[in-house]
Amino acid sequence: MADDQPPTWRNEGPFDPARAGQLLGRMGHGGFLGMRYGNHGPDWFEAELPWREDLVGAGNTGVLASGPIISLFDNCTAMAIWTRRGRYVPHVTLDLRIDYVRAAVPGRSVIARAECYQLRGDLAFARALAHDGDIADPLAHAAAIFMVLGESE
């Protein structure tokens, strides 16, 4: 990478989820929120949103606001899709449905794990789960649909 080029995962060749995950916490919205790469597999991606006081929602509850959790889901589902594709393909979020089961525990990080379960033409489908330490006690579930920009594959 040239010195005058900003770091990016949008390069030619295979998509590297671990490298992209490292950049997630340094660039753009994910960087502002302090997201951290967790792990990945052939069709899934995991990241963490550390608890911060300035990300707390209403009042003095200590509970993270929904906006940062929505961003975590959007980023993780997109990364899971690129991980499954094996390369970066520009796409947009068409739909992101989130069902909250409970509030996050104050002071705890939120961890999201997303899986791309279907690629069909220019559409990609993903689902995700978020928890704050116990995956058996999720705080939210998400379902997402993304559409490839430009020519479909």
Protein backbone atom coordinates (compact mmCIF):
# COMPACT_ATOMS: atom_id res chain seq x y z
CA MET A 1 0.00 0.00 0.00
CA ALA A 2 1.39 3.39 -0.95
CA ASP A 3 2.13 5.85 1.86
CA ASP A 4 -0.34 8.38 0.47
CA GLN A 5 -3.21 5.86 0.41
CA PRO A 6 -5.49 5.52 3.44
CA PRO A 7 -5.84 2.03 4.91
CA THR A 8 -8.69 0.10 3.31
CA TRP A 9 -10.06 -3.41 2.89
CA ARG A 10 -11.49 -2.45 -0.50
CA ASN A 11 -8.58 -3.78 -2.46
CA GLU A 12 -8.43 -6.16 -5.38
CA GLY A 13 -8.04 -9.81 -4.53
CA PRO A 14 -9.42 -11.87 -1.67
CA PHE A 15 -11.26 -10.20 1.20
CA ASP A 16 -9.34 -10.54 4.46
CA PRO A 17 -11.87 -10.42 7.35
CA ALA A 18 -9.19 -10.15 10.05
CA ARG A 19 -7.56 -7.15 8.33
CA ALA A 20 -10.94 -5.54 7.68
CA GLY A 21 -11.84 -6.13 11.31
CA GLN A 22 -8.71 -4.33 12.46
CA LEU A 23 -9.60 -1.37 10.25
CA LEU A 24 -13.21 -1.40 11.48
CA GLY A 25 -12.14 0.15 14.77
CA ARG A 26 -9.89 2.76 13.16
CA MET A 27 -11.99 4.15 10.32
CA GLY A 28 -15.32 5.87 9.86
CA HIS A 29 -18.32 5.23 12.06
CA GLY A 30 -16.93 1.96 13.46
CA GLY A 31 -13.79 3.84 14.47
CA PHE A 32 -15.78 6.56 16.22
CA LEU A 33 -17.74 3.91 18.13
CA GLY A 34 -14.56 1.96 18.94
CA MET A 35 -15.73 -1.34 17.43
CA ARG A 36 -13.27 -4.20 17.76
CA TYR A 37 -12.76 -7.27 15.63
CA GLY A 38 -13.60 -10.51 17.40
CA ASN A 39 -13.35 -13.47 15.07
CA HIS A 40 -14.63 -14.88 11.78
CA GLY A 41 -15.32 -18.10 9.92
CA PRO A 42 -16.14 -18.94 6.30
CA ASP A 43 -19.54 -17.18 6.39
CA TRP A 44 -19.62 -15.29 9.71
CA PHE A 45 -18.04 -12.28 11.38
CA GLU A 46 -17.94 -11.20 15.02
CA ALA A 47 -17.21 -7.77 16.52
CA GLU A 48 -17.46 -6.02 19.87
CA LEU A 49 -18.86 -2.62 20.81
CA PRO A 50 -17.17 -1.58 24.06
CA TRP A 51 -19.35 0.17 26.62
CA ARG A 52 -18.70 3.91 26.86
CA GLU A 53 -20.56 6.50 28.87
CA ASP A 54 -21.03 8.77 25.85
CA LEU A 55 -22.89 5.92 24.07
CA VAL A 56 -25.46 5.55 26.86
CA GLY A 57 -29.07 6.26 25.94
CA ALA A 58 -31.66 8.07 28.01
CA GLY A 59 -31.11 9.11 31.59
CA ASN A 60 -28.64 7.69 34.05
CA THR A 61 -29.44 4.06 33.29
CA GLY A 62 -25.99 3.17 31.94
CA VAL A 63 -27.66 1.20 29.13
CA LEU A 64 -26.13 1.61 25.67
CA ALA A 65 -28.34 3.49 23.21
CA SER A 66 -29.85 1.52 20.34
CA GLY A 67 -28.05 3.54 17.63
CA PRO A 68 -24.56 2.13 18.30
CA ILE A 69 -26.00 -1.39 18.49
CA ILE A 70 -27.73 -0.86 15.13
CA SER A 71 -24.37 0.24 13.69
CA LEU A 72 -22.69 -2.84 15.14
CA PHE A 73 -25.29 -5.09 13.47
CA ASP A 74 -25.00 -3.24 10.14
CA ASN A 75 -21.21 -3.53 10.13
CA CYS A 76 -21.12 -7.18 11.21
CA THR A 77 -23.72 -8.31 8.66
CA ALA A 78 -21.88 -6.49 5.86
CA MET A 79 -18.56 -8.03 6.90
CA ALA A 80 -20.14 -11.51 7.06
CA ILE A 81 -21.34 -11.09 3.48
CA TRP A 82 -17.91 -10.02 2.21
CA THR A 83 -16.37 -12.87 4.18
CA ARG A 84 -18.66 -15.41 2.50
CA ARG A 85 -18.12 -13.86 -0.95
CA GLY A 86 -14.39 -13.91 -0.38
CA ARG A 87 -14.01 -10.42 -1.81
CA TYR A 88 -15.20 -6.89 -1.30
CA VAL A 89 -18.25 -6.07 -3.41
CA PRO A 90 -19.88 -2.65 -2.96
CA HIS A 91 -23.39 -3.08 -1.59
CA VAL A 92 -26.09 -1.17 0.27
CA THR A 93 -28.29 -2.16 3.18
CA LEU A 94 -31.83 -2.62 1.86
CA ASP A 95 -33.36 -3.84 5.10
CA LEU A 96 -32.10 -4.25 8.64
CA ARG A 97 -34.67 -5.55 11.11
CA ILE A 98 -33.73 -5.68 14.77
CA ASP A 99 -35.72 -7.35 17.51
CA TYR A 100 -34.63 -6.31 20.99
CA VAL A 101 -35.16 -8.96 23.65
CA ARG A 102 -33.78 -6.96 26.58
CA ALA A 103 -31.56 -4.00 27.44
CA ALA A 104 -27.80 -4.43 27.54
CA VAL A 105 -26.32 -4.66 31.03
CA PRO A 106 -24.80 -1.29 31.98
CA GLY A 107 -21.00 -1.26 31.79
CA ARG A 108 -20.72 -4.33 29.54
CA SER A 109 -19.55 -4.50 25.95
CA VAL A 110 -21.98 -5.77 23.34
CA ILE A 111 -20.78 -8.56 21.04
CA ALA A 112 -22.46 -9.26 17.70
CA ARG A 113 -22.01 -12.32 15.54
CA ALA A 114 -23.44 -12.22 12.03
CA GLU A 115 -23.80 -14.99 9.47
CA CYS A 116 -24.37 -14.64 5.73
CA TYR A 117 -26.74 -17.51 5.00
CA GLN A 118 -27.75 -16.81 1.40
CA LEU A 119 -26.33 -15.21 -1.74
CA ARG A 120 -28.85 -14.93 -4.54
CA GLY A 121 -28.02 -12.83 -7.62
CA ASP A 122 -27.42 -9.28 -6.49
CA LEU A 123 -28.92 -9.88 -3.03
CA ALA A 124 -27.25 -11.14 0.14
CA PHE A 125 -29.05 -12.23 3.31
CA ALA A 126 -27.60 -12.21 6.81
CA ARG A 127 -28.75 -12.80 10.38
CA ALA A 128 -27.09 -11.80 13.62
CA LEU A 129 -27.30 -12.07 17.39
CA ALA A 130 -25.97 -9.64 20.01
CA HIS A 131 -25.17 -10.40 23.63
CA ASP A 132 -23.25 -8.83 26.48
CA GLY A 133 -21.31 -11.82 27.73
CA ASP A 134 -23.61 -14.83 27.51
CA ILE A 135 -24.57 -15.89 23.99
CA ALA A 136 -27.38 -17.99 25.51
CA ASP A 137 -28.92 -14.74 26.83
CA PRO A 138 -29.08 -12.50 23.73
CA LEU A 139 -30.15 -8.88 23.91
CA ALA A 140 -31.13 -8.59 20.25
CA HIS A 141 -31.50 -10.46 16.97
CA ALA A 142 -31.15 -8.97 13.48
CA ALA A 143 -31.97 -9.90 9.90
CA ALA A 144 -30.48 -7.97 6.98
CA ILE A 145 -30.72 -7.83 3.21
CA PHE A 146 -28.03 -6.13 1.12
CA MET A 147 -27.98 -5.38 -2.61
CA VAL A 148 -24.86 -5.29 -4.77
CA LEU A 149 -24.23 -1.91 -6.39
CA GLY A 150 -23.58 -1.90 -10.11
CA GLU A 151 -23.53 -5.12 -12.08
CA SER A 152 -24.71 -8.24 -10.28
CA GLU A 153 -22.43 -11.21 -10.09
